[in-house]
Amino acid sequence: MGAAILFLAPNFIGFMIFTLIPMVFSLVMSLYDWPLTGTHTFVGLKNFITLFTKDILFFKVMKNTFVYVIAYVGLNVIIALGMAVWITSLKKANQFFRSVFFLPMMVGIVSSTMIFKWILSDTGIVNTVLRFFGAEGFNWFGSTKTAMIAVVIVSIWQGFGYNMVIFISGLLSVPKSLTEAAKIDGANAIQIFFKITLPAMSPSIFFAVVMTVISSFQVFDQTFVSTMGGPNNETNTMVLYLYNNAFKYQRLGYASAIAWVLFFCMLIITGILMKQQKRLVNYDS
């Protein structure tokens, strides 16, 4: 027992210092008018009430965040699954393509965003190709119609490789005896994929979806580097709004309230997914 406590102590201490104590402190701050400097005034639930009754921008920020989460999670999982199926079907060079598509994960998100700011700029590769074929170029990050699309594209390029590797692992774990038996029974490739492969790798898909949902709610770097939340707050997300309130407007209490709303949004969505786990996931060996 003593040895177990000794081994757990570093993780527990780290959790206390870097997670639990900051969370409790953030909850306390959310009940105060807490400027970066000066007097801290207790206001109770005023910050939360203001968020939901007077702060019109907050609702737009919430909408932007949910739009991003839905678009990013859906496209990320579909693209990652498609690439995983394609790579596992290759007889040669599958290791090469696996490394190539995972490589963006090794590049920092700030660097990735800067690269795409150049690629999608007015004189970038994408608009140059569009003009070559007679189409008009887009102001990708500067237009209210395309800014969020551009942010999602950056995020997918940088992040889908992680889920792809998870799905490759899931595909390789599907018993070959099941697929071979299905072929003998006359099932085609599509039937095998949807009736056998997908159910067999559903634990991997569920894990990837949950983790991607959690990470997508925390989107910040892409919007901060590319648009600063613009144009017209079309890419302003909850974490960026939190950051601006804390460090630009010096309202740490208000920012803490936003953080707790974000936390409960993530908690509710994750809870709904976990509630559906038994229905969606097949754990039969």
C-alpha atoms as a PDB file:
ATOM      1  CA  MET A   1       0.000   0.000   0.000  1.00  0.00           C
ATOM      2  CA  GLY A   2       2.802   2.377   0.902  1.00  0.00           C
ATOM      3  CA  ALA A   3       4.645   1.630  -2.353  1.00  0.00           C
ATOM      4  CA  ALA A   4       1.461   2.219  -4.375  1.00  0.00           C
ATOM      5  CA  ILE A   5       0.924   5.610  -2.731  1.00  0.00           C
ATOM      6  CA  LEU A   6       4.559   6.482  -3.409  1.00  0.00           C
ATOM      7  CA  PHE A   7       4.188   5.691  -7.109  1.00  0.00           C
ATOM      8  CA  LEU A   8       0.891   7.596  -7.353  1.00  0.00           C
ATOM      9  CA  ALA A   9       2.180  10.638  -5.467  1.00  0.00           C
ATOM     10  CA  PRO A  10       3.889  12.431  -8.420  1.00  0.00           C
ATOM     11  CA  ASN A  11       0.777  12.180 -10.602  1.00  0.00           C
ATOM     12  CA  PHE A  12      -1.508  13.171  -7.749  1.00  0.00           C
ATOM     13  CA  ILE A  13       0.652  16.158  -6.821  1.00  0.00           C
ATOM     14  CA  GLY A  14       0.789  17.226 -10.478  1.00  0.00           C
ATOM     15  CA  PHE A  15      -3.000  16.881 -10.764  1.00  0.00           C
ATOM     16  CA  MET A  16      -3.499  18.959  -7.619  1.00  0.00           C
ATOM     17  CA  ILE A  17      -1.106  21.737  -8.665  1.00  0.00           C
ATOM     18  CA  PHE A  18      -1.902  22.002 -12.371  1.00  0.00           C
ATOM     19  CA  THR A  19      -5.574  20.933 -12.557  1.00  0.00           C
ATOM     20  CA  LEU A  20      -7.626  20.792  -9.356  1.00  0.00           C
ATOM     21  CA  ILE A  21      -6.337  23.935  -7.613  1.00  0.00           C
ATOM     22  CA  PRO A  22      -6.565  26.097 -10.793  1.00  0.00           C
ATOM     23  CA  MET A  23     -10.119  24.816 -11.394  1.00  0.00           C
ATOM     24  CA  VAL A  24     -11.215  25.692  -7.856  1.00  0.00           C
ATOM     25  CA  PHE A  25      -9.493  29.081  -8.106  1.00  0.00           C
ATOM     26  CA  SER A  26     -11.197  29.701 -11.459  1.00  0.00           C
ATOM     27  CA  LEU A  27     -14.589  28.891  -9.921  1.00  0.00           C
ATOM     28  CA  VAL A  28     -13.929  31.369  -7.111  1.00  0.00           C
ATOM     29  CA  MET A  29     -12.818  34.028  -9.612  1.00  0.00           C
ATOM     30  CA  SER A  30     -16.024  33.574 -11.623  1.00  0.00           C
ATOM     31  CA  LEU A  31     -17.961  34.895  -8.620  1.00  0.00           C
ATOM     32  CA  TYR A  32     -15.942  38.128  -8.529  1.00  0.00           C
ATOM     33  CA  ASP A  33     -15.406  41.242 -10.559  1.00  0.00           C
ATOM     34  CA  TRP A  34     -11.701  40.464 -10.850  1.00  0.00           C
ATOM     35  CA  PRO A  35      -9.620  42.945 -12.870  1.00  0.00           C
ATOM     36  CA  LEU A  36      -6.017  42.129 -13.711  1.00  0.00           C
ATOM     37  CA  THR A  37      -4.962  44.791 -11.219  1.00  0.00           C
ATOM     38  CA  GLY A  38      -6.952  46.552  -8.530  1.00  0.00           C
ATOM     39  CA  THR A  39      -9.723  45.590  -6.124  1.00  0.00           C
ATOM     40  CA  HIS A  40     -11.617  42.307  -6.405  1.00  0.00           C
ATOM     41  CA  THR A  41     -15.352  42.682  -5.735  1.00  0.00           C
ATOM     42  CA  PHE A  42     -17.667  39.773  -4.951  1.00  0.00           C
ATOM     43  CA  VAL A  43     -20.611  39.768  -7.395  1.00  0.00           C
ATOM     44  CA  GLY A  44     -22.031  36.261  -6.939  1.00  0.00           C
ATOM     45  CA  LEU A  45     -23.590  34.859 -10.109  1.00  0.00           C
ATOM     46  CA  LYS A  46     -23.628  38.220 -11.892  1.00  0.00           C
ATOM     47  CA  ASN A  47     -20.983  37.157 -14.436  1.00  0.00           C
ATOM     48  CA  PHE A  48     -23.026  34.102 -15.430  1.00  0.00           C
ATOM     49  CA  ILE A  49     -26.277  36.097 -15.543  1.00  0.00           C
ATOM     50  CA  THR A  50     -24.635  38.738 -17.740  1.00  0.00           C
ATOM     51  CA  LEU A  51     -23.359  36.050 -20.097  1.00  0.00           C
ATOM     52  CA  PHE A  52     -26.810  34.641 -20.755  1.00  0.00           C
ATOM     53  CA  THR A  53     -28.942  37.794 -20.538  1.00  0.00           C
ATOM     54  CA  LYS A  54     -26.899  40.763 -21.762  1.00  0.00           C
ATOM     55  CA  ASP A  55     -23.902  39.499 -23.730  1.00  0.00           C
ATOM     56  CA  ILE A  56     -25.255  39.084 -27.269  1.00  0.00           C
ATOM     57  CA  LEU A  57     -21.781  38.345 -28.629  1.00  0.00           C
ATOM     58  CA  PHE A  58     -21.464  35.334 -26.319  1.00  0.00           C
ATOM     59  CA  PHE A  59     -24.318  33.545 -28.104  1.00  0.00           C
ATOM     60  CA  LYS A  60     -22.646  34.140 -31.459  1.00  0.00           C
ATOM     61  CA  VAL A  61     -19.394  32.814 -30.020  1.00  0.00           C
ATOM     62  CA  MET A  62     -21.192  29.707 -28.737  1.00  0.00           C
ATOM     63  CA  LYS A  63     -22.812  29.180 -32.141  1.00  0.00           C
ATOM     64  CA  ASN A  64     -19.439  29.537 -33.874  1.00  0.00           C
ATOM     65  CA  THR A  65     -17.907  27.014 -31.499  1.00  0.00           C
ATOM     66  CA  PHE A  66     -20.635  24.420 -32.068  1.00  0.00           C
ATOM     67  CA  VAL A  67     -20.492  24.948 -35.846  1.00  0.00           C
ATOM     68  CA  TYR A  68     -16.750  24.381 -35.740  1.00  0.00           C
ATOM     69  CA  VAL A  69     -17.100  21.285 -33.526  1.00  0.00           C
ATOM     70  CA  ILE A  70     -19.712  19.678 -35.786  1.00  0.00           C
ATOM     71  CA  ALA A  71     -17.833  20.461 -39.014  1.00  0.00           C
ATOM     72  CA  TYR A  72     -14.394  19.539 -37.711  1.00  0.00           C
ATOM     73  CA  VAL A  73     -15.362  16.330 -35.901  1.00  0.00           C
ATOM     74  CA  GLY A  74     -17.497  15.070 -38.786  1.00  0.00           C
ATOM     75  CA  LEU A  75     -14.980  15.785 -41.539  1.00  0.00           C
ATOM     76  CA  ASN A  76     -11.978  14.727 -39.454  1.00  0.00           C
ATOM     77  CA  VAL A  77     -13.451  11.314 -38.652  1.00  0.00           C
ATOM     78  CA  ILE A  78     -14.704  10.682 -42.210  1.00  0.00           C
ATOM     79  CA  ILE A  79     -11.417  11.690 -43.857  1.00  0.00           C
ATOM     80  CA  ALA A  80      -9.306   9.822 -41.300  1.00  0.00           C
ATOM     81  CA  LEU A  81     -11.415   6.676 -41.717  1.00  0.00           C
ATOM     82  CA  GLY A  82     -11.280   6.904 -45.506  1.00  0.00           C
ATOM     83  CA  MET A  83      -7.507   7.315 -45.512  1.00  0.00           C
ATOM     84  CA  ALA A  84      -7.110   4.465 -43.014  1.00  0.00           C
ATOM     85  CA  VAL A  85      -9.155   2.112 -45.215  1.00  0.00           C
ATOM     86  CA  TRP A  86      -7.151   3.116 -48.287  1.00  0.00           C
ATOM     87  CA  ILE A  87      -3.763   2.737 -46.593  1.00  0.00           C
ATOM     88  CA  THR A  88      -4.562  -0.678 -45.102  1.00  0.00           C
ATOM     89  CA  SER A  89      -5.656  -1.856 -48.560  1.00  0.00           C
ATOM     90  CA  LEU A  90      -2.233  -1.093 -50.027  1.00  0.00           C
ATOM     91  CA  LYS A  91       0.166  -3.983 -50.448  1.00  0.00           C
ATOM     92  CA  LYS A  92       3.171  -1.680 -50.767  1.00  0.00           C
ATOM     93  CA  ALA A  93       4.161   1.727 -49.397  1.00  0.00           C
ATOM     94  CA  ASN A  94       1.490   1.705 -46.675  1.00  0.00           C
ATOM     95  CA  GLN A  95       4.087   2.626 -44.055  1.00  0.00           C
ATOM     96  CA  PHE A  96       5.237   5.509 -46.261  1.00  0.00           C
ATOM     97  CA  PHE A  97       1.744   6.974 -46.676  1.00  0.00           C
ATOM     98  CA  ARG A  98       0.969   6.441 -43.008  1.00  0.00           C
ATOM     99  CA  SER A  99       4.021   8.536 -42.112  1.00  0.00           C
ATOM    100  CA  VAL A 100       3.259  11.202 -44.726  1.00  0.00           C
ATOM    101  CA  PHE A 101      -0.309  11.779 -43.553  1.00  0.00           C
ATOM    102  CA  PHE A 102       0.682  11.699 -39.895  1.00  0.00           C
ATOM    103  CA  LEU A 103       3.483  14.218 -40.476  1.00  0.00           C
ATOM    104  CA  PRO A 104       1.278  17.353 -40.078  1.00  0.00           C
ATOM    105  CA  MET A 105       0.638  16.241 -36.486  1.00  0.00           C
ATOM    106  CA  MET A 106       4.340  16.791 -35.839  1.00  0.00           C
ATOM    107  CA  VAL A 107       4.086  20.387 -37.068  1.00  0.00           C
ATOM    108  CA  GLY A 108       2.829  22.909 -34.525  1.00  0.00           C
ATOM    109  CA  ILE A 109      -0.669  24.246 -35.114  1.00  0.00           C
ATOM    110  CA  VAL A 110       0.676  27.809 -35.220  1.00  0.00           C
ATOM    111  CA  SER A 111       3.112  26.860 -37.985  1.00  0.00           C
ATOM    112  CA  SER A 112       0.368  24.997 -39.849  1.00  0.00           C
ATOM    113  CA  THR A 113      -1.917  28.019 -39.659  1.00  0.00           C
ATOM    114  CA  MET A 114       0.815  30.331 -40.948  1.00  0.00           C
ATOM    115  CA  ILE A 115       1.430  27.974 -43.874  1.00  0.00           C
ATOM    116  CA  PHE A 116      -2.257  27.950 -44.766  1.00  0.00           C
ATOM    117  CA  LYS A 117      -2.485  31.741 -44.427  1.00  0.00           C
ATOM    118  CA  TRP A 118       0.051  31.862 -47.244  1.00  0.00           C
ATOM    119  CA  ILE A 119      -1.553  29.048 -49.283  1.00  0.00           C
ATOM    120  CA  LEU A 120      -5.006  30.650 -49.032  1.00  0.00           C
ATOM    121  CA  SER A 121      -3.841  34.260 -49.401  1.00  0.00           C
ATOM    122  CA  ASP A 122      -4.784  36.397 -52.401  1.00  0.00           C
ATOM    123  CA  THR A 123      -1.495  35.501 -54.110  1.00  0.00           C
ATOM    124  CA  GLY A 124      -1.362  31.973 -52.686  1.00  0.00           C
ATOM    125  CA  ILE A 125      -1.416  28.647 -54.501  1.00  0.00           C
ATOM    126  CA  VAL A 126      -5.169  28.021 -54.210  1.00  0.00           C
ATOM    127  CA  ASN A 127      -6.299  31.377 -55.608  1.00  0.00           C
ATOM    128  CA  THR A 128      -3.610  31.244 -58.307  1.00  0.00           C
ATOM    129  CA  VAL A 129      -4.932  27.869 -59.498  1.00  0.00           C
ATOM    130  CA  LEU A 130      -8.539  29.121 -59.372  1.00  0.00           C
ATOM    131  CA  ARG A 131      -7.670  32.154 -61.502  1.00  0.00           C
ATOM    132  CA  PHE A 132      -5.738  29.947 -63.940  1.00  0.00           C
ATOM    133  CA  PHE A 133      -8.962  28.058 -64.639  1.00  0.00           C
ATOM    134  CA  GLY A 134     -10.960  31.275 -64.968  1.00  0.00           C
ATOM    135  CA  ALA A 135     -12.570  31.303 -61.530  1.00  0.00           C
ATOM    136  CA  GLU A 136     -12.420  34.143 -59.036  1.00  0.00           C
ATOM    137  CA  GLY A 137     -10.163  33.852 -56.024  1.00  0.00           C
ATOM    138  CA  PHE A 138     -11.548  33.940 -52.493  1.00  0.00           C
ATOM    139  CA  ASN A 139     -10.542  36.049 -49.545  1.00  0.00           C
ATOM    140  CA  TRP A 140     -10.520  32.856 -47.485  1.00  0.00           C
ATOM    141  CA  PHE A 141      -9.706  34.242 -44.052  1.00  0.00           C
ATOM    142  CA  GLY A 142     -11.149  37.707 -44.693  1.00  0.00           C
ATOM    143  CA  SER A 143     -14.666  36.849 -45.852  1.00  0.00           C
ATOM    144  CA  THR A 144     -17.522  36.076 -43.484  1.00  0.00           C
ATOM    145  CA  LYS A 145     -18.614  33.297 -45.866  1.00  0.00           C
ATOM    146  CA  THR A 146     -15.316  31.409 -46.003  1.00  0.00           C
ATOM    147  CA  ALA A 147     -13.372  32.287 -42.825  1.00  0.00           C
ATOM    148  CA  MET A 148     -14.760  29.419 -40.726  1.00  0.00           C
ATOM    149  CA  ILE A 149     -14.316  27.026 -43.654  1.00  0.00           C
ATOM    150  CA  ALA A 150     -10.653  28.026 -43.865  1.00  0.00           C
ATOM    151  CA  VAL A 151     -10.168  27.495 -40.118  1.00  0.00           C
ATOM    152  CA  VAL A 152     -11.739  24.025 -40.365  1.00  0.00           C
ATOM    153  CA  ILE A 153      -9.501  23.152 -43.336  1.00  0.00           C
ATOM    154  CA  VAL A 154      -6.387  24.120 -41.375  1.00  0.00           C
ATOM    155  CA  SER A 155      -7.516  22.086 -38.375  1.00  0.00           C
ATOM    156  CA  ILE A 156      -8.327  18.983 -40.415  1.00  0.00           C
ATOM    157  CA  TRP A 157      -5.019  19.058 -42.288  1.00  0.00           C
ATOM    158  CA  GLN A 158      -3.129  19.308 -39.024  1.00  0.00           C
ATOM    159  CA  GLY A 159      -5.202  16.880 -36.974  1.00  0.00           C
ATOM    160  CA  PHE A 160      -6.707  14.046 -39.023  1.00  0.00           C
ATOM    161  CA  GLY A 161      -3.492  11.990 -38.967  1.00  0.00           C
ATOM    162  CA  TYR A 162      -3.975  11.135 -35.298  1.00  0.00           C
ATOM    163  CA  ASN A 163      -7.395   9.583 -35.870  1.00  0.00           C
ATOM    164  CA  MET A 164      -6.117   7.913 -39.025  1.00  0.00           C
ATOM    165  CA  VAL A 165      -3.510   6.003 -37.010  1.00  0.00           C
ATOM    166  CA  ILE A 166      -6.172   4.976 -34.469  1.00  0.00           C
ATOM    167  CA  PHE A 167      -8.420   3.723 -37.271  1.00  0.00           C
ATOM    168  CA  ILE A 168      -5.585   1.824 -38.934  1.00  0.00           C
ATOM    169  CA  SER A 169      -4.994   0.059 -35.637  1.00  0.00           C
ATOM    170  CA  GLY A 170      -8.719  -0.699 -35.402  1.00  0.00           C
ATOM    171  CA  LEU A 171      -8.847  -2.046 -38.960  1.00  0.00           C
ATOM    172  CA  LEU A 172      -5.858  -4.306 -38.383  1.00  0.00           C
ATOM    173  CA  SER A 173      -7.518  -5.729 -35.276  1.00  0.00           C
ATOM    174  CA  VAL A 174     -10.594  -6.933 -37.202  1.00  0.00           C
ATOM    175  CA  PRO A 175     -10.421 -10.772 -37.300  1.00  0.00           C
ATOM    176  CA  LYS A 176      -9.671 -11.934 -40.843  1.00  0.00           C
ATOM    177  CA  SER A 177     -11.768 -15.028 -40.227  1.00  0.00           C
ATOM    178  CA  LEU A 178     -14.900 -12.853 -40.142  1.00  0.00           C
ATOM    179  CA  THR A 179     -14.215 -11.134 -43.458  1.00  0.00           C
ATOM    180  CA  GLU A 180     -13.151 -14.383 -45.137  1.00  0.00           C
ATOM    181  CA  ALA A 181     -16.321 -16.126 -43.946  1.00  0.00           C
ATOM    182  CA  ALA A 182     -18.401 -13.234 -45.284  1.00  0.00           C
ATOM    183  CA  LYS A 183     -16.696 -13.488 -48.684  1.00  0.00           C
ATOM    184  CA  ILE A 184     -17.465 -17.207 -48.812  1.00  0.00           C
ATOM    185  CA  ASP A 185     -21.118 -16.383 -48.067  1.00  0.00           C
ATOM    186  CA  GLY A 186     -21.144 -14.031 -51.061  1.00  0.00           C
ATOM    187  CA  ALA A 187     -20.881 -10.636 -49.346  1.00  0.00           C
ATOM    188  CA  ASN A 188     -19.323  -7.854 -51.407  1.00  0.00           C
ATOM    189  CA  ALA A 189     -16.731  -5.331 -50.188  1.00  0.00           C
ATOM    190  CA  ILE A 190     -19.313  -2.686 -49.222  1.00  0.00           C
ATOM    191  CA  GLN A 191     -21.399  -5.175 -47.248  1.00  0.00           C
ATOM    192  CA  ILE A 192     -18.308  -6.474 -45.461  1.00  0.00           C
ATOM    193  CA  PHE A 193     -17.233  -2.936 -44.555  1.00  0.00           C
ATOM    194  CA  PHE A 194     -20.575  -1.793 -43.126  1.00  0.00           C
ATOM    195  CA  LYS A 195     -21.723  -5.078 -41.600  1.00  0.00           C
ATOM    196  CA  ILE A 196     -18.441  -6.444 -40.228  1.00  0.00           C
ATOM    197  CA  THR A 197     -15.537  -3.984 -40.335  1.00  0.00           C
ATOM    198  CA  LEU A 198     -17.289  -0.898 -38.927  1.00  0.00           C
ATOM    199  CA  PRO A 199     -18.972  -2.732 -36.012  1.00  0.00           C
ATOM    200  CA  ALA A 200     -15.705  -4.503 -35.190  1.00  0.00           C
ATOM    201  CA  MET A 201     -13.755  -1.246 -35.041  1.00  0.00           C
ATOM    202  CA  SER A 202     -16.538   0.777 -33.375  1.00  0.00           C
ATOM    203  CA  PRO A 203     -14.552   1.070 -30.080  1.00  0.00           C
ATOM    204  CA  SER A 204     -11.756   2.833 -31.994  1.00  0.00           C
ATOM    205  CA  ILE A 205     -14.223   5.128 -33.757  1.00  0.00           C
ATOM    206  CA  PHE A 206     -16.014   5.968 -30.512  1.00  0.00           C
ATOM    207  CA  PHE A 207     -12.732   6.797 -28.761  1.00  0.00           C
ATOM    208  CA  ALA A 208     -11.630   8.997 -31.669  1.00  0.00           C
ATOM    209  CA  VAL A 209     -14.962  10.847 -31.769  1.00  0.00           C
ATOM    210  CA  VAL A 210     -14.983  11.556 -28.019  1.00  0.00           C
ATOM    211  CA  MET A 211     -11.375  12.784 -27.973  1.00  0.00           C
ATOM    212  CA  THR A 212     -11.886  14.887 -31.102  1.00  0.00           C
ATOM    213  CA  VAL A 213     -15.028  16.490 -29.655  1.00  0.00           C
ATOM    214  CA  ILE A 214     -13.180  17.427 -26.464  1.00  0.00           C
ATOM    215  CA  SER A 215     -10.201  18.898 -28.329  1.00  0.00           C
ATOM    216  CA  SER A 216     -12.351  20.763 -30.878  1.00  0.00           C
ATOM    217  CA  PHE A 217     -14.211  22.673 -28.161  1.00  0.00           C
ATOM    218  CA  GLN A 218     -10.818  24.069 -27.141  1.00  0.00           C
ATOM    219  CA  VAL A 219      -9.946  25.510 -30.561  1.00  0.00           C
ATOM    220  CA  PHE A 220      -7.863  28.656 -30.129  1.00  0.00           C
ATOM    221  CA  ASP A 221      -4.544  28.790 -31.992  1.00  0.00           C
ATOM    222  CA  GLN A 222      -6.057  28.582 -35.474  1.00  0.00           C
ATOM    223  CA  THR A 223      -8.464  31.467 -34.962  1.00  0.00           C
ATOM    224  CA  PHE A 224      -6.004  33.562 -32.956  1.00  0.00           C
ATOM    225  CA  VAL A 225      -3.251  33.327 -35.573  1.00  0.00           C
ATOM    226  CA  SER A 226      -5.372  33.488 -38.730  1.00  0.00           C
ATOM    227  CA  THR A 227      -8.268  35.858 -38.013  1.00  0.00           C
ATOM    228  CA  MET A 228      -8.215  37.006 -34.364  1.00  0.00           C
ATOM    229  CA  GLY A 229     -11.876  36.001 -34.347  1.00  0.00           C
ATOM    230  CA  GLY A 230     -12.830  38.023 -37.400  1.00  0.00           C
ATOM    231  CA  PRO A 231     -14.179  38.986 -39.767  1.00  0.00           C
ATOM    232  CA  ASN A 232     -17.168  40.346 -37.857  1.00  0.00           C
ATOM    233  CA  ASN A 233     -16.606  37.723 -35.116  1.00  0.00           C
ATOM    234  CA  GLU A 234     -17.405  34.883 -37.551  1.00  0.00           C
ATOM    235  CA  THR A 235     -14.505  32.788 -36.222  1.00  0.00           C
ATOM    236  CA  ASN A 236     -14.612  34.002 -32.630  1.00  0.00           C
ATOM    237  CA  THR A 237     -14.782  30.876 -30.464  1.00  0.00           C
ATOM    238  CA  MET A 238     -15.307  30.378 -26.742  1.00  0.00           C
ATOM    239  CA  VAL A 239     -11.633  29.967 -25.847  1.00  0.00           C
ATOM    240  CA  LEU A 240     -10.640  33.005 -27.916  1.00  0.00           C
ATOM    241  CA  TYR A 241     -13.467  35.020 -26.338  1.00  0.00           C
ATOM    242  CA  LEU A 242     -12.286  33.837 -22.928  1.00  0.00           C
ATOM    243  CA  TYR A 243      -8.721  34.899 -23.769  1.00  0.00           C
ATOM    244  CA  ASN A 244      -9.782  38.357 -24.954  1.00  0.00           C
ATOM    245  CA  ASN A 245     -11.865  38.984 -21.838  1.00  0.00           C
ATOM    246  CA  ALA A 246      -9.053  37.867 -19.566  1.00  0.00           C
ATOM    247  CA  PHE A 247      -6.057  39.588 -21.123  1.00  0.00           C
ATOM    248  CA  LYS A 248      -7.389  42.205 -23.543  1.00  0.00           C
ATOM    249  CA  TYR A 249     -10.248  43.572 -21.432  1.00  0.00           C
ATOM    250  CA  GLN A 250      -8.707  42.471 -18.088  1.00  0.00           C
ATOM    251  CA  ARG A 251     -11.918  40.850 -16.825  1.00  0.00           C
ATOM    252  CA  LEU A 252     -10.588  37.685 -15.238  1.00  0.00           C
ATOM    253  CA  GLY A 253     -13.806  36.948 -13.345  1.00  0.00           C
ATOM    254  CA  TYR A 254     -15.899  37.178 -16.500  1.00  0.00           C
ATOM    255  CA  ALA A 255     -13.381  35.042 -18.389  1.00  0.00           C
ATOM    256  CA  SER A 256     -13.555  32.418 -15.631  1.00  0.00           C
ATOM    257  CA  ALA A 257     -17.346  32.317 -16.004  1.00  0.00           C
ATOM    258  CA  ILE A 258     -16.907  31.688 -19.730  1.00  0.00           C
ATOM    259  CA  ALA A 259     -14.430  28.916 -18.925  1.00  0.00           C
ATOM    260  CA  TRP A 260     -16.959  27.177 -16.690  1.00  0.00           C
ATOM    261  CA  VAL A 261     -19.704  27.439 -19.304  1.00  0.00           C
ATOM    262  CA  LEU A 262     -17.287  25.895 -21.800  1.00  0.00           C
ATOM    263  CA  PHE A 263     -16.435  23.147 -19.309  1.00  0.00           C
ATOM    264  CA  PHE A 264     -20.099  22.263 -18.819  1.00  0.00           C
ATOM    265  CA  CYS A 265     -20.723  22.283 -22.573  1.00  0.00           C
ATOM    266  CA  MET A 266     -17.913  19.759 -22.991  1.00  0.00           C
ATOM    267  CA  LEU A 267     -19.151  17.773 -19.993  1.00  0.00           C
ATOM    268  CA  ILE A 268     -22.730  17.576 -21.299  1.00  0.00           C
ATOM    269  CA  ILE A 269     -21.753  16.587 -24.850  1.00  0.00           C
ATOM    270  CA  THR A 270     -19.263  14.003 -23.595  1.00  0.00           C
ATOM    271  CA  GLY A 271     -21.853  12.688 -21.139  1.00  0.00           C
ATOM    272  CA  ILE A 272     -24.397  12.266 -23.951  1.00  0.00           C
ATOM    273  CA  LEU A 273     -21.838  10.355 -26.013  1.00  0.00           C
ATOM    274  CA  MET A 274     -20.905   8.123 -23.083  1.00  0.00           C
ATOM    275  CA  LYS A 275     -24.598   7.481 -22.421  1.00  0.00           C
ATOM    276  CA  GLN A 276     -24.956   6.207 -25.989  1.00  0.00           C
ATOM    277  CA  GLN A 277     -21.833   4.053 -25.780  1.00  0.00           C
ATOM    278  CA  LYS A 278     -23.611   0.725 -25.241  1.00  0.00           C
ATOM    279  CA  ARG A 279     -25.900   1.391 -28.209  1.00  0.00           C
ATOM    280  CA  LEU A 280     -23.188   2.616 -30.573  1.00  0.00           C
ATOM    281  CA  VAL A 281     -20.206   0.452 -29.669  1.00  0.00           C
ATOM    282  CA  ASN A 282     -19.796  -3.266 -30.203  1.00  0.00           C
ATOM    283  CA  TYR A 283     -17.388  -4.829 -27.702  1.00  0.00           C
ATOM    284  CA  ASP A 284     -18.005  -8.431 -28.766  1.00  0.00           C
ATOM    285  CA  SER A 285     -14.745 -10.204 -29.448  1.00  0.00           C
END
